Amino acid sequence: MVHIFVQLLFIWVSLF
């Protein structure tokens, strides 16, 4: 379930 974490991180980066 690492993909979920990676996607979440990507979303955070996009927010910034």
C-alpha atoms as a PDB file:
ATOM      1  CA  MET A   1       0.000   0.000   0.000  1.00  0.00           C
ATOM      2  CA  VAL A   2       2.914   2.295  -0.679  1.00  0.00           C
ATOM      3  CA  HIS A   3       1.300   3.625  -3.849  1.00  0.00           C
ATOM      4  CA  ILE A   4      -1.321   5.392  -1.756  1.00  0.00           C
ATOM      5  CA  PHE A   5       1.350   7.126   0.300  1.00  0.00           C
ATOM      6  CA  VAL A   6       3.216   8.178  -2.826  1.00  0.00           C
ATOM      7  CA  GLN A   7       0.050   9.581  -4.353  1.00  0.00           C
ATOM      8  CA  LEU A   8      -0.691  11.497  -1.159  1.00  0.00           C
ATOM      9  CA  LEU A   9       2.806  12.954  -1.193  1.00  0.00           C
ATOM     10  CA  PHE A  10       2.380  13.978  -4.826  1.00  0.00           C
ATOM     11  CA  ILE A  11      -0.876  15.753  -3.956  1.00  0.00           C
ATOM     12  CA  TRP A  12       0.843  17.625  -1.127  1.00  0.00           C
ATOM     13  CA  VAL A  13       3.612  18.709  -3.487  1.00  0.00           C
ATOM     14  CA  SER A  14       1.044  19.864  -6.031  1.00  0.00           C
ATOM     15  CA  LEU A  15      -0.716  21.901  -3.345  1.00  0.00           C
ATOM     16  CA  PHE A  16       2.473  23.773  -2.587  1.00  0.00           C
END
